[in-house]
Amino acid sequence: MTKFSRRQFAGGILAGSATLAMPSLAFGARPRVVVIGGGAGGATAARYIAKDSGGAIDVTLIEASKRYYTCFFSNLYLGGFRNYGSIGHNYYGLAVNRGV
């Protein structure tokens, strides 16, 4: 039996999955990226993929909630300087400004 390292296995998976995308790229289809999870990290990733590609990549963001809440500035909420809604964000800006 042949032994594979994790690196060889991962490389094989990547090479195999890349060949699945080839037929759509050969016919001129726009590449697509699906981001699962729209918290601070997912929303930021979706935003910058769409922004940096200049619209060349179709970005879809999958998230169950309509809003997400961040830890950024949560200390101001905990200290009573801001309300809870101020650390919440929706996806409207991503949809309108970036087409995500």
Foldseek 3Di string as FASTA:
>chain_A
DDDDDPVRVVVVVVVVVVVVCVVCVVVPHQAEDEQEDCEPVSVVVQQCVLVVVVNSYHYHYDDDDQKYFDPVCVVCCVVVNDPRCVRIDGCVCCCPVRVD
